[in-house]
N, C-alpha and C. Protein backbone atom coordinates (compact mmCIF):
# COMPACT_ATOMS: atom_id res chain seq x y z
N MET A 1 -47.99 34.11 -29.84
CA MET A 1 -46.68 33.47 -29.90
C MET A 1 -46.30 32.95 -28.51
N LYS A 2 -45.88 31.68 -28.44
CA LYS A 2 -45.50 31.10 -27.16
C LYS A 2 -44.27 31.81 -26.59
N HIS A 3 -44.28 32.04 -25.27
CA HIS A 3 -43.15 32.70 -24.66
C HIS A 3 -43.17 32.45 -23.15
N PHE A 4 -42.04 32.77 -22.50
CA PHE A 4 -41.96 32.76 -21.04
C PHE A 4 -41.62 34.18 -20.63
N GLU A 5 -42.38 34.74 -19.71
CA GLU A 5 -42.17 36.12 -19.30
C GLU A 5 -41.22 36.20 -18.12
N ALA A 6 -40.21 37.06 -18.25
CA ALA A 6 -39.24 37.29 -17.18
C ALA A 6 -39.16 38.77 -16.88
N LYS A 7 -38.92 39.12 -15.61
CA LYS A 7 -38.79 40.51 -15.19
C LYS A 7 -37.34 40.78 -14.78
N ILE A 8 -36.75 41.82 -15.37
CA ILE A 8 -35.40 42.25 -15.01
C ILE A 8 -35.42 43.76 -14.87
N GLN A 9 -34.98 44.26 -13.72
CA GLN A 9 -34.92 45.71 -13.48
C GLN A 9 -36.26 46.38 -13.82
N ASN A 10 -37.34 45.71 -13.42
CA ASN A 10 -38.70 46.21 -13.66
C ASN A 10 -39.05 46.31 -15.14
N GLN A 11 -38.32 45.59 -15.97
CA GLN A 11 -38.59 45.53 -17.40
C GLN A 11 -39.12 44.13 -17.74
N THR A 12 -39.93 44.05 -18.79
CA THR A 12 -40.57 42.79 -19.17
C THR A 12 -39.89 42.20 -20.40
N PHE A 13 -39.41 40.97 -20.26
CA PHE A 13 -38.75 40.27 -21.35
C PHE A 13 -39.51 38.98 -21.66
N TYR A 14 -39.84 38.79 -22.93
CA TYR A 14 -40.48 37.56 -23.37
C TYR A 14 -39.41 36.65 -23.99
N LEU A 15 -39.19 35.49 -23.38
CA LEU A 15 -38.25 34.52 -23.91
C LEU A 15 -38.99 33.61 -24.88
N LEU A 16 -38.53 33.57 -26.11
CA LEU A 16 -39.21 32.83 -27.16
C LEU A 16 -38.45 31.56 -27.52
N PRO A 17 -39.17 30.49 -27.90
CA PRO A 17 -38.49 29.24 -28.28
C PRO A 17 -37.66 29.36 -29.55
N GLU A 18 -37.82 30.46 -30.27
CA GLU A 18 -36.95 30.72 -31.44
C GLU A 18 -35.57 31.20 -31.03
N LYS A 19 -35.31 31.22 -29.72
CA LYS A 19 -34.02 31.61 -29.14
C LYS A 19 -33.75 33.10 -29.26
N VAL A 20 -34.81 33.88 -29.13
CA VAL A 20 -34.70 35.34 -29.07
C VAL A 20 -35.49 35.84 -27.88
N ILE A 21 -35.24 37.08 -27.50
CA ILE A 21 -36.00 37.77 -26.45
C ILE A 21 -36.70 38.97 -27.07
N PHE A 22 -37.93 39.20 -26.64
CA PHE A 22 -38.62 40.44 -27.00
C PHE A 22 -38.74 41.29 -25.75
N TRP A 23 -38.17 42.49 -25.81
CA TRP A 23 -38.20 43.44 -24.70
C TRP A 23 -39.42 44.33 -24.91
N LYS A 24 -40.43 44.11 -24.08
CA LYS A 24 -41.73 44.75 -24.28
C LYS A 24 -41.66 46.26 -24.26
N GLU A 25 -41.03 46.83 -23.23
CA GLU A 25 -41.02 48.29 -23.07
C GLU A 25 -40.27 48.99 -24.21
N GLN A 26 -39.22 48.37 -24.71
CA GLN A 26 -38.42 48.96 -25.78
C GLN A 26 -38.86 48.51 -27.17
N LYS A 27 -39.80 47.58 -27.23
CA LYS A 27 -40.23 46.99 -28.51
C LYS A 27 -39.02 46.52 -29.32
N ALA A 28 -38.16 45.76 -28.63
CA ALA A 28 -36.88 45.35 -29.22
C ALA A 28 -36.74 43.84 -29.22
N LEU A 29 -36.26 43.31 -30.34
CA LEU A 29 -35.84 41.92 -30.40
C LEU A 29 -34.37 41.84 -30.02
N ILE A 30 -34.02 40.81 -29.25
CA ILE A 30 -32.64 40.63 -28.78
C ILE A 30 -32.22 39.21 -29.13
N LEU A 31 -31.11 39.08 -29.85
CA LEU A 31 -30.60 37.75 -30.21
C LEU A 31 -29.10 37.83 -30.40
N SER A 32 -28.48 36.67 -30.35
CA SER A 32 -27.01 36.63 -30.36
C SER A 32 -26.50 35.46 -31.19
N ASP A 33 -25.28 35.62 -31.68
CA ASP A 33 -24.52 34.52 -32.29
C ASP A 33 -25.26 33.87 -33.46
N LEU A 34 -25.51 34.69 -34.49
CA LEU A 34 -26.08 34.12 -35.71
C LEU A 34 -25.01 33.40 -36.53
N HIS A 35 -23.81 33.95 -36.53
CA HIS A 35 -22.69 33.36 -37.29
C HIS A 35 -23.06 33.16 -38.76
N ILE A 36 -23.66 34.20 -39.35
CA ILE A 36 -23.94 34.16 -40.79
C ILE A 36 -22.61 33.99 -41.54
N GLY A 37 -22.61 33.17 -42.56
CA GLY A 37 -21.40 32.95 -43.33
C GLY A 37 -20.60 31.75 -42.89
N LYS A 38 -21.00 31.13 -41.79
CA LYS A 38 -20.25 29.96 -41.33
C LYS A 38 -20.38 28.80 -42.30
N ALA A 39 -21.54 28.69 -42.96
CA ALA A 39 -21.72 27.62 -43.95
C ALA A 39 -20.72 27.77 -45.08
N SER A 40 -20.57 29.00 -45.58
CA SER A 40 -19.61 29.25 -46.66
C SER A 40 -18.18 29.01 -46.19
N HIS A 41 -17.91 29.38 -44.95
CA HIS A 41 -16.58 29.16 -44.37
C HIS A 41 -16.22 27.67 -44.40
N PHE A 42 -17.19 26.81 -44.07
CA PHE A 42 -16.94 25.37 -44.08
C PHE A 42 -16.86 24.83 -45.50
N ARG A 43 -17.65 25.40 -46.43
CA ARG A 43 -17.57 24.94 -47.81
C ARG A 43 -16.17 25.17 -48.37
N LYS A 44 -15.56 26.30 -48.01
CA LYS A 44 -14.20 26.58 -48.47
C LYS A 44 -13.21 25.53 -47.95
N ALA A 45 -13.54 24.94 -46.81
CA ALA A 45 -12.68 23.91 -46.21
C ALA A 45 -13.05 22.51 -46.72
N GLY A 46 -13.99 22.44 -47.68
CA GLY A 46 -14.35 21.15 -48.27
C GLY A 46 -15.51 20.44 -47.61
N VAL A 47 -16.19 21.12 -46.65
CA VAL A 47 -17.34 20.52 -45.97
C VAL A 47 -18.62 21.03 -46.66
N PRO A 48 -19.42 20.16 -47.27
CA PRO A 48 -20.56 20.60 -48.07
C PRO A 48 -21.77 21.01 -47.24
N ILE A 49 -21.75 22.25 -46.74
CA ILE A 49 -22.85 22.79 -45.95
C ILE A 49 -23.62 23.80 -46.80
N SER A 50 -24.93 23.64 -46.91
CA SER A 50 -25.74 24.52 -47.75
C SER A 50 -26.00 25.86 -47.06
N SER A 51 -26.02 26.93 -47.86
CA SER A 51 -26.34 28.25 -47.33
C SER A 51 -27.81 28.37 -46.95
N HIS A 52 -28.63 27.38 -47.31
CA HIS A 52 -30.05 27.42 -46.95
C HIS A 52 -30.26 27.41 -45.44
N ILE A 53 -29.25 26.96 -44.70
CA ILE A 53 -29.38 26.98 -43.24
C ILE A 53 -29.54 28.42 -42.76
N HIS A 54 -28.86 29.37 -43.41
CA HIS A 54 -29.00 30.78 -43.04
C HIS A 54 -30.29 31.37 -43.59
N VAL A 55 -30.69 30.96 -44.79
CA VAL A 55 -31.95 31.44 -45.37
C VAL A 55 -33.11 31.10 -44.44
N ASN A 56 -33.10 29.88 -43.92
CA ASN A 56 -34.17 29.47 -43.01
C ASN A 56 -34.19 30.30 -41.73
N GLU A 57 -33.01 30.70 -41.26
CA GLU A 57 -32.97 31.54 -40.06
C GLU A 57 -33.59 32.91 -40.32
N PHE A 58 -33.40 33.45 -41.51
CA PHE A 58 -34.04 34.72 -41.84
C PHE A 58 -35.56 34.55 -41.93
N PHE A 59 -36.02 33.40 -42.42
CA PHE A 59 -37.45 33.14 -42.45
C PHE A 59 -38.03 33.15 -41.03
N VAL A 60 -37.29 32.58 -40.09
CA VAL A 60 -37.73 32.58 -38.68
C VAL A 60 -37.84 34.02 -38.17
N LEU A 61 -36.83 34.83 -38.46
CA LEU A 61 -36.86 36.23 -38.03
C LEU A 61 -38.02 36.97 -38.68
N ASP A 62 -38.27 36.71 -39.95
CA ASP A 62 -39.39 37.35 -40.65
C ASP A 62 -40.70 37.08 -39.92
N ALA A 63 -40.89 35.82 -39.52
CA ALA A 63 -42.14 35.45 -38.85
C ALA A 63 -42.27 36.15 -37.50
N ILE A 64 -41.17 36.26 -36.76
CA ILE A 64 -41.20 36.94 -35.46
C ILE A 64 -41.51 38.43 -35.64
N ILE A 65 -40.88 39.04 -36.64
CA ILE A 65 -41.11 40.46 -36.90
C ILE A 65 -42.57 40.70 -37.29
N GLU A 66 -43.11 39.83 -38.11
CA GLU A 66 -44.51 39.96 -38.52
C GLU A 66 -45.44 39.88 -37.32
N GLU A 67 -45.10 39.01 -36.36
CA GLU A 67 -45.96 38.81 -35.19
C GLU A 67 -45.82 39.93 -34.17
N LEU A 68 -44.59 40.31 -33.85
CA LEU A 68 -44.34 41.22 -32.73
C LEU A 68 -44.09 42.67 -33.12
N LYS A 69 -43.77 42.90 -34.38
CA LYS A 69 -43.57 44.26 -34.90
C LYS A 69 -42.60 45.09 -34.05
N PRO A 70 -41.36 44.63 -33.92
CA PRO A 70 -40.37 45.37 -33.13
C PRO A 70 -39.97 46.67 -33.82
N GLU A 71 -39.50 47.62 -33.01
CA GLU A 71 -38.98 48.88 -33.55
C GLU A 71 -37.47 48.85 -33.67
N LYS A 72 -36.83 47.93 -32.95
CA LYS A 72 -35.38 47.78 -33.06
C LYS A 72 -34.99 46.32 -32.87
N ILE A 73 -33.84 45.95 -33.41
CA ILE A 73 -33.28 44.61 -33.23
C ILE A 73 -31.86 44.76 -32.72
N LEU A 74 -31.55 44.12 -31.59
CA LEU A 74 -30.21 44.13 -31.02
C LEU A 74 -29.55 42.79 -31.31
N PHE A 75 -28.48 42.83 -32.10
CA PHE A 75 -27.67 41.63 -32.36
C PHE A 75 -26.50 41.67 -31.37
N VAL A 76 -26.51 40.74 -30.41
CA VAL A 76 -25.53 40.80 -29.31
C VAL A 76 -24.27 40.01 -29.70
N GLY A 77 -23.69 40.40 -30.81
CA GLY A 77 -22.39 39.88 -31.21
C GLY A 77 -22.41 38.64 -32.07
N ASP A 78 -21.29 38.48 -32.81
CA ASP A 78 -21.06 37.37 -33.73
C ASP A 78 -22.22 37.22 -34.72
N LEU A 79 -22.56 38.36 -35.31
CA LEU A 79 -23.57 38.36 -36.37
C LEU A 79 -23.05 37.59 -37.58
N PHE A 80 -21.80 37.88 -37.97
CA PHE A 80 -21.19 37.21 -39.12
C PHE A 80 -20.00 36.40 -38.63
N HIS A 81 -19.69 35.31 -39.34
CA HIS A 81 -18.71 34.38 -38.78
C HIS A 81 -17.26 34.81 -38.99
N SER A 82 -16.92 35.29 -40.19
CA SER A 82 -15.52 35.66 -40.41
C SER A 82 -15.44 36.65 -41.57
N GLU A 83 -14.57 36.38 -42.57
CA GLU A 83 -14.37 37.32 -43.66
C GLU A 83 -15.60 37.36 -44.57
N HIS A 84 -15.65 38.41 -45.39
CA HIS A 84 -16.79 38.62 -46.27
C HIS A 84 -16.94 37.46 -47.25
N ASN A 85 -18.18 36.99 -47.42
CA ASN A 85 -18.49 36.02 -48.46
C ASN A 85 -19.92 36.24 -48.93
N GLN A 86 -20.40 35.39 -49.84
CA GLN A 86 -21.70 35.63 -50.48
C GLN A 86 -22.86 35.64 -49.49
N GLU A 87 -22.69 35.00 -48.34
CA GLU A 87 -23.80 34.95 -47.39
C GLU A 87 -24.03 36.28 -46.69
N TRP A 88 -23.03 37.18 -46.73
CA TRP A 88 -23.28 38.52 -46.21
C TRP A 88 -24.34 39.22 -47.06
N ASP A 89 -24.38 38.92 -48.36
CA ASP A 89 -25.38 39.53 -49.24
C ASP A 89 -26.80 39.12 -48.81
N LEU A 90 -26.96 37.93 -48.27
CA LEU A 90 -28.26 37.52 -47.75
C LEU A 90 -28.71 38.48 -46.65
N PHE A 91 -27.77 38.78 -45.74
CA PHE A 91 -28.12 39.70 -44.65
C PHE A 91 -28.38 41.10 -45.19
N TYR A 92 -27.54 41.56 -46.11
CA TYR A 92 -27.71 42.91 -46.68
C TYR A 92 -29.11 43.07 -47.26
N ASN A 93 -29.55 42.11 -48.07
CA ASN A 93 -30.87 42.19 -48.69
C ASN A 93 -31.98 42.10 -47.65
N TRP A 94 -31.78 41.23 -46.65
CA TRP A 94 -32.78 41.09 -45.58
C TRP A 94 -32.91 42.40 -44.81
N ALA A 95 -31.78 43.00 -44.44
CA ALA A 95 -31.80 44.23 -43.64
C ALA A 95 -32.52 45.36 -44.36
N HIS A 96 -32.36 45.44 -45.68
CA HIS A 96 -32.98 46.52 -46.43
C HIS A 96 -34.46 46.26 -46.69
N ASN A 97 -34.96 45.11 -46.31
CA ASN A 97 -36.40 44.88 -46.34
C ASN A 97 -37.09 45.50 -45.13
N TYR A 98 -36.28 45.92 -44.14
CA TYR A 98 -36.84 46.44 -42.88
C TYR A 98 -36.27 47.83 -42.58
N GLU A 99 -36.47 48.74 -43.51
CA GLU A 99 -35.96 50.10 -43.36
C GLU A 99 -36.54 50.81 -42.13
N HIS A 100 -37.71 50.36 -41.68
CA HIS A 100 -38.39 51.02 -40.55
C HIS A 100 -37.91 50.51 -39.20
N ILE A 101 -37.03 49.50 -39.19
CA ILE A 101 -36.54 48.93 -37.93
C ILE A 101 -35.09 49.33 -37.71
N GLU A 102 -34.78 49.79 -36.51
CA GLU A 102 -33.41 50.15 -36.14
C GLU A 102 -32.62 48.88 -35.89
N LEU A 103 -31.47 48.75 -36.53
CA LEU A 103 -30.63 47.57 -36.39
C LEU A 103 -29.34 47.94 -35.67
N ILE A 104 -29.07 47.27 -34.57
CA ILE A 104 -27.90 47.58 -33.74
C ILE A 104 -27.07 46.32 -33.55
N LEU A 105 -25.77 46.42 -33.80
CA LEU A 105 -24.84 45.32 -33.57
C LEU A 105 -23.89 45.66 -32.44
N ILE A 106 -23.93 44.86 -31.37
CA ILE A 106 -22.92 44.93 -30.32
C ILE A 106 -21.82 43.97 -30.73
N LYS A 107 -20.66 44.47 -31.06
CA LYS A 107 -19.64 43.68 -31.75
C LYS A 107 -19.16 42.50 -30.91
N GLY A 108 -18.98 41.37 -31.60
CA GLY A 108 -18.40 40.18 -30.99
C GLY A 108 -17.03 39.88 -31.57
N ASN A 109 -16.40 38.85 -31.08
CA ASN A 109 -15.05 38.52 -31.52
C ASN A 109 -14.98 38.07 -32.98
N HIS A 110 -16.11 37.63 -33.54
CA HIS A 110 -16.12 37.23 -34.96
C HIS A 110 -16.52 38.36 -35.89
N ASP A 111 -16.92 39.48 -35.34
CA ASP A 111 -17.39 40.60 -36.17
C ASP A 111 -16.20 41.44 -36.62
N ILE A 112 -15.54 40.96 -37.68
CA ILE A 112 -14.28 41.55 -38.12
C ILE A 112 -14.38 42.17 -39.52
N LEU A 113 -15.58 42.34 -40.02
CA LEU A 113 -15.75 42.91 -41.35
C LEU A 113 -15.43 44.41 -41.34
N PRO A 114 -15.11 44.98 -42.50
CA PRO A 114 -14.88 46.43 -42.57
C PRO A 114 -16.13 47.21 -42.14
N GLU A 115 -15.91 48.35 -41.49
CA GLU A 115 -17.02 49.16 -40.99
C GLU A 115 -17.99 49.55 -42.10
N SER A 116 -17.47 49.75 -43.30
CA SER A 116 -18.31 50.18 -44.42
C SER A 116 -19.38 49.14 -44.74
N LEU A 117 -19.06 47.87 -44.61
CA LEU A 117 -20.04 46.82 -44.88
C LEU A 117 -21.18 46.87 -43.87
N TYR A 118 -20.83 47.07 -42.60
CA TYR A 118 -21.86 47.18 -41.58
C TYR A 118 -22.76 48.39 -41.84
N GLN A 119 -22.14 49.52 -42.14
CA GLN A 119 -22.91 50.74 -42.37
C GLN A 119 -23.83 50.60 -43.58
N ASN A 120 -23.34 50.00 -44.65
CA ASN A 120 -24.16 49.81 -45.85
C ASN A 120 -25.33 48.87 -45.59
N SER A 121 -25.21 48.06 -44.55
CA SER A 121 -26.28 47.13 -44.19
C SER A 121 -27.18 47.71 -43.10
N ARG A 122 -27.06 49.04 -42.87
CA ARG A 122 -27.95 49.77 -41.97
C ARG A 122 -27.66 49.49 -40.49
N LEU A 123 -26.54 48.89 -40.19
CA LEU A 123 -26.23 48.54 -38.82
C LEU A 123 -25.55 49.69 -38.08
N GLN A 124 -26.02 49.97 -36.86
CA GLN A 124 -25.27 50.80 -35.93
C GLN A 124 -24.37 49.85 -35.13
N VAL A 125 -23.08 50.12 -35.11
CA VAL A 125 -22.12 49.20 -34.50
C VAL A 125 -21.52 49.84 -33.25
N MET A 126 -21.49 49.08 -32.16
CA MET A 126 -20.91 49.57 -30.91
C MET A 126 -20.35 48.41 -30.10
N ASP A 127 -19.48 48.71 -29.16
CA ASP A 127 -18.86 47.68 -28.33
C ASP A 127 -19.78 47.25 -27.19
N GLN A 128 -20.61 48.15 -26.71
CA GLN A 128 -21.57 47.83 -25.66
C GLN A 128 -22.72 48.82 -25.74
N LEU A 129 -23.82 48.47 -25.12
CA LEU A 129 -25.01 49.31 -25.18
C LEU A 129 -25.71 49.27 -23.83
N LEU A 130 -26.05 50.44 -23.30
CA LEU A 130 -26.75 50.55 -22.02
C LEU A 130 -28.09 51.24 -22.26
N ILE A 131 -29.18 50.54 -21.93
CA ILE A 131 -30.52 51.09 -22.04
C ILE A 131 -31.28 50.77 -20.75
N ASP A 132 -31.76 51.80 -20.08
CA ASP A 132 -32.58 51.61 -18.87
C ASP A 132 -31.95 50.61 -17.89
N ASN A 133 -30.66 50.80 -17.63
CA ASN A 133 -29.91 50.00 -16.66
C ASN A 133 -29.75 48.53 -17.08
N ILE A 134 -29.96 48.24 -18.38
CA ILE A 134 -29.66 46.93 -18.95
C ILE A 134 -28.48 47.12 -19.89
N GLU A 135 -27.39 46.40 -19.62
CA GLU A 135 -26.18 46.55 -20.42
C GLU A 135 -25.98 45.32 -21.31
N PHE A 136 -25.74 45.57 -22.59
CA PHE A 136 -25.52 44.50 -23.55
C PHE A 136 -24.06 44.49 -23.98
N THR A 137 -23.42 43.34 -23.85
CA THR A 137 -22.06 43.12 -24.36
C THR A 137 -22.03 41.73 -24.97
N HIS A 138 -21.10 41.50 -25.89
CA HIS A 138 -21.06 40.15 -26.47
C HIS A 138 -20.53 39.14 -25.46
N GLU A 139 -19.41 39.46 -24.84
CA GLU A 139 -18.88 38.61 -23.77
C GLU A 139 -19.27 39.24 -22.43
N ARG A 140 -19.40 38.41 -21.43
CA ARG A 140 -19.84 38.90 -20.14
C ARG A 140 -18.92 40.00 -19.62
N ASN A 141 -19.53 41.07 -19.12
CA ASN A 141 -18.80 42.16 -18.48
C ASN A 141 -18.78 41.88 -16.98
N GLU A 142 -17.59 41.70 -16.42
CA GLU A 142 -17.47 41.39 -15.00
C GLU A 142 -17.82 42.58 -14.11
N ASN A 143 -17.74 43.80 -14.67
CA ASN A 143 -18.06 45.00 -13.90
C ASN A 143 -19.07 45.85 -14.69
N PRO A 144 -20.29 45.36 -14.83
CA PRO A 144 -21.27 46.06 -15.67
C PRO A 144 -21.82 47.31 -15.00
N GLU A 145 -22.32 48.22 -15.85
CA GLU A 145 -22.98 49.42 -15.35
C GLU A 145 -24.41 49.13 -14.94
N GLY A 146 -24.97 48.03 -15.42
CA GLY A 146 -26.32 47.61 -15.08
C GLY A 146 -26.41 46.10 -15.17
N TYR A 147 -27.61 45.59 -15.27
CA TYR A 147 -27.77 44.15 -15.46
C TYR A 147 -27.20 43.79 -16.83
N ASN A 148 -26.27 42.85 -16.86
CA ASN A 148 -25.53 42.53 -18.08
C ASN A 148 -26.17 41.35 -18.83
N ILE A 149 -26.46 41.56 -20.12
CA ILE A 149 -26.95 40.49 -20.99
C ILE A 149 -25.92 40.29 -22.09
N SER A 150 -25.45 39.05 -22.24
CA SER A 150 -24.40 38.77 -23.22
C SER A 150 -24.71 37.48 -23.98
N GLY A 151 -23.88 37.23 -24.99
CA GLY A 151 -23.98 36.01 -25.78
C GLY A 151 -22.69 35.21 -25.63
N HIS A 152 -22.10 34.82 -26.78
CA HIS A 152 -20.76 34.23 -26.84
C HIS A 152 -20.67 32.80 -26.32
N LEU A 153 -21.36 32.50 -25.23
CA LEU A 153 -21.18 31.23 -24.54
C LEU A 153 -21.88 30.07 -25.26
N HIS A 154 -22.97 30.33 -25.98
CA HIS A 154 -23.79 29.28 -26.60
C HIS A 154 -24.26 28.27 -25.55
N PRO A 155 -24.90 28.71 -24.47
CA PRO A 155 -25.18 27.80 -23.35
C PRO A 155 -26.22 26.74 -23.68
N GLY A 156 -26.03 25.57 -23.05
CA GLY A 156 -26.98 24.47 -23.18
C GLY A 156 -26.87 23.55 -21.98
N VAL A 157 -27.90 22.73 -21.79
CA VAL A 157 -27.91 21.76 -20.70
C VAL A 157 -28.37 20.41 -21.24
N SER A 158 -28.03 19.36 -20.52
CA SER A 158 -28.50 18.01 -20.86
C SER A 158 -29.77 17.71 -20.10
N MET A 159 -30.79 17.32 -20.82
CA MET A 159 -32.05 16.90 -20.22
C MET A 159 -32.11 15.38 -20.30
N VAL A 160 -32.40 14.74 -19.16
CA VAL A 160 -32.40 13.27 -19.07
C VAL A 160 -33.83 12.78 -18.97
N GLY A 161 -34.20 11.85 -19.86
CA GLY A 161 -35.55 11.29 -19.87
C GLY A 161 -35.71 10.13 -18.92
N SER A 162 -36.94 9.60 -18.86
CA SER A 162 -37.24 8.50 -17.93
C SER A 162 -36.46 7.24 -18.25
N GLY A 163 -36.09 7.08 -19.52
CA GLY A 163 -35.29 5.91 -19.90
C GLY A 163 -33.81 6.16 -19.83
N LYS A 164 -33.41 7.25 -19.15
CA LYS A 164 -32.03 7.66 -18.95
C LYS A 164 -31.34 8.13 -20.24
N GLN A 165 -32.14 8.33 -21.30
CA GLN A 165 -31.58 8.92 -22.50
C GLN A 165 -31.42 10.42 -22.28
N SER A 166 -30.41 11.02 -22.87
CA SER A 166 -30.15 12.44 -22.65
C SER A 166 -30.09 13.18 -23.98
N LEU A 167 -30.42 14.47 -23.90
CA LEU A 167 -30.41 15.31 -25.08
C LEU A 167 -29.89 16.68 -24.67
N LYS A 168 -28.89 17.19 -25.40
CA LYS A 168 -28.33 18.51 -25.08
C LYS A 168 -29.14 19.57 -25.82
N LEU A 169 -29.68 20.53 -25.06
CA LEU A 169 -30.55 21.55 -25.62
C LEU A 169 -30.05 22.94 -25.27
N PRO A 170 -30.25 23.92 -26.16
CA PRO A 170 -29.85 25.29 -25.85
C PRO A 170 -30.72 25.87 -24.74
N CYS A 171 -30.20 26.90 -24.09
CA CYS A 171 -30.97 27.50 -23.00
C CYS A 171 -30.60 28.97 -22.81
N PHE A 172 -31.51 29.69 -22.17
CA PHE A 172 -31.23 31.00 -21.60
C PHE A 172 -30.76 30.76 -20.17
N LEU A 173 -29.70 31.45 -19.76
CA LEU A 173 -29.16 31.30 -18.41
C LEU A 173 -29.22 32.65 -17.71
N PHE A 174 -30.01 32.73 -16.62
CA PHE A 174 -30.17 33.98 -15.88
C PHE A 174 -29.57 33.84 -14.49
N ARG A 175 -28.72 34.80 -14.14
CA ARG A 175 -28.14 34.89 -12.81
C ARG A 175 -28.48 36.23 -12.19
N GLU A 176 -28.00 36.45 -10.97
CA GLU A 176 -28.41 37.64 -10.21
C GLU A 176 -28.08 38.94 -10.93
N ASP A 177 -26.88 38.99 -11.55
CA ASP A 177 -26.46 40.25 -12.16
C ASP A 177 -26.19 40.14 -13.66
N HIS A 178 -26.40 38.98 -14.25
CA HIS A 178 -26.16 38.86 -15.68
C HIS A 178 -26.93 37.67 -16.26
N ALA A 179 -27.04 37.67 -17.59
CA ALA A 179 -27.72 36.58 -18.29
C ALA A 179 -26.97 36.27 -19.59
N PHE A 180 -27.03 35.02 -20.00
CA PHE A 180 -26.44 34.58 -21.26
C PHE A 180 -27.55 34.15 -22.22
N LEU A 181 -27.44 34.59 -23.46
CA LEU A 181 -28.40 34.22 -24.49
C LEU A 181 -27.95 32.94 -25.19
N PRO A 182 -28.90 32.12 -25.64
CA PRO A 182 -28.52 30.98 -26.50
C PRO A 182 -28.11 31.50 -27.86
N ALA A 183 -27.35 30.72 -28.59
CA ALA A 183 -26.99 31.07 -29.96
C ALA A 183 -28.20 30.93 -30.86
N PHE A 184 -28.50 31.98 -31.62
CA PHE A 184 -29.62 31.91 -32.54
C PHE A 184 -29.29 31.01 -33.73
N GLY A 185 -28.06 31.06 -34.22
CA GLY A 185 -27.66 30.27 -35.38
C GLY A 185 -27.74 28.78 -35.10
N HIS A 186 -28.24 28.04 -36.09
CA HIS A 186 -28.39 26.60 -35.92
C HIS A 186 -27.10 25.83 -36.18
N PHE A 187 -26.08 26.53 -36.68
CA PHE A 187 -24.84 25.86 -37.04
C PHE A 187 -23.71 26.38 -36.17
N THR A 188 -23.98 26.45 -34.86
CA THR A 188 -23.04 27.09 -33.95
C THR A 188 -22.51 26.18 -32.85
N GLY A 189 -23.19 25.08 -32.57
CA GLY A 189 -22.79 24.23 -31.46
C GLY A 189 -23.37 24.73 -30.14
N ILE A 190 -23.31 23.88 -29.13
CA ILE A 190 -23.84 24.18 -27.80
C ILE A 190 -22.77 23.86 -26.77
N ALA A 191 -22.53 24.80 -25.85
CA ALA A 191 -21.57 24.58 -24.77
C ALA A 191 -22.33 24.18 -23.51
N LYS A 192 -22.12 22.97 -23.05
CA LYS A 192 -22.82 22.49 -21.86
C LYS A 192 -22.34 23.25 -20.63
N ILE A 193 -23.29 23.77 -19.87
CA ILE A 193 -22.97 24.54 -18.67
C ILE A 193 -23.23 23.70 -17.42
N LYS A 194 -22.63 24.15 -16.31
CA LYS A 194 -22.88 23.52 -15.01
C LYS A 194 -23.56 24.56 -14.12
N PRO A 195 -24.89 24.60 -14.14
CA PRO A 195 -25.60 25.64 -13.38
C PRO A 195 -25.47 25.45 -11.88
N SER A 196 -25.55 26.56 -11.17
CA SER A 196 -25.57 26.51 -9.71
C SER A 196 -27.02 26.49 -9.25
N LYS A 197 -27.24 26.30 -7.96
CA LYS A 197 -28.59 26.26 -7.42
C LYS A 197 -29.30 27.60 -7.53
N LYS A 198 -28.53 28.67 -7.65
CA LYS A 198 -29.14 30.00 -7.74
C LYS A 198 -29.52 30.39 -9.17
N ASP A 199 -29.07 29.62 -10.15
CA ASP A 199 -29.32 29.96 -11.55
C ASP A 199 -30.76 29.66 -11.94
N ASN A 200 -31.25 30.45 -12.87
CA ASN A 200 -32.52 30.18 -13.52
C ASN A 200 -32.24 29.79 -14.96
N ILE A 201 -32.64 28.58 -15.31
CA ILE A 201 -32.39 28.03 -16.63
C ILE A 201 -33.71 27.95 -17.39
N PHE A 202 -33.71 28.47 -18.62
CA PHE A 202 -34.89 28.39 -19.48
C PHE A 202 -34.49 27.60 -20.72
N VAL A 203 -34.90 26.35 -20.76
CA VAL A 203 -34.47 25.43 -21.82
C VAL A 203 -35.36 25.60 -23.05
N VAL A 204 -34.74 25.63 -24.22
CA VAL A 204 -35.47 25.70 -25.48
C VAL A 204 -35.69 24.28 -25.97
N ALA A 205 -36.95 23.84 -25.90
CA ALA A 205 -37.30 22.47 -26.30
C ALA A 205 -38.36 22.54 -27.40
N GLU A 206 -37.91 22.45 -28.65
CA GLU A 206 -38.77 22.56 -29.81
C GLU A 206 -39.58 23.84 -29.76
N ASN A 207 -40.88 23.76 -29.52
CA ASN A 207 -41.73 24.94 -29.60
C ASN A 207 -42.13 25.49 -28.24
N GLU A 208 -41.34 25.23 -27.22
CA GLU A 208 -41.68 25.74 -25.90
C GLU A 208 -40.44 26.04 -25.08
N ILE A 209 -40.64 26.83 -24.04
CA ILE A 209 -39.59 27.17 -23.08
C ILE A 209 -39.91 26.45 -21.78
N ILE A 210 -38.92 25.72 -21.26
CA ILE A 210 -39.09 24.98 -20.00
C ILE A 210 -38.22 25.65 -18.94
N HIS A 211 -38.85 26.10 -17.86
CA HIS A 211 -38.12 26.75 -16.77
C HIS A 211 -37.58 25.70 -15.82
N VAL A 212 -36.26 25.71 -15.63
CA VAL A 212 -35.62 24.78 -14.70
C VAL A 212 -34.88 25.63 -13.68
N SER A 213 -35.33 25.61 -12.42
CA SER A 213 -34.71 26.45 -11.39
C SER A 213 -33.92 25.58 -10.43
C-alpha cells in the first residue's frame, strides 16, 4: 500500500492517500471527520444526495483493514454529522463486522448522539486520548500533554499547474507540536490553509502523497 512515512516522538506513522494514518507501533488506524449521515441531513433539506457516498467510504476502510490488519481504529471526532438517521445503521452494521478491532471515538462537536447508540456500536467514547506521549483531540489543544493530533479543520492547499490552473486538495498538516488530519469523508469540504515556512504539508493527490515543505 502506497504511503509516506513520518516520525513523531520516535513513533512511526504511515500517511496514506486514503486520508488515514497507520500507527505502526500501536497497529492503529487514525482518521477524522467522516460525517456519516450528512447525506441524509441534506436530503431532509431537499438536496438529493445519495447515501452511497458513505457506503463507498466503508468499502475504502474495508480495503485498508484487509491490507494492514489494525488492532484498533481511532476516530478523531465528527464520526457522525448530527441527529440519528438511517445512515447510522450503516456504521452499526460495519462496526459489528469487526468485533476483533477496538473502536475508539474522540468526540467532536458534531458527535451529539445518545451515549447508548455509541456503546451499542462498540465504540469507546472519550474527549481526548493520550498514548505514548501522542495526544488526540478533535479540535487542537493549545496546551497538550504530548504531541497533539487533531481533526476538525479539514485542511487543504491549492496546487498550481504549469498552465496556472489550480486545484484545491486535502492535506495532512504537521507542525512542531501538533498535526491536523484531512477529513476522511468525501462530503465534508476543504478549508484552505496558509502554511508557514516551518510547516510540513503532505498533499493527498489521487493515489499518492506529495510532501511539500
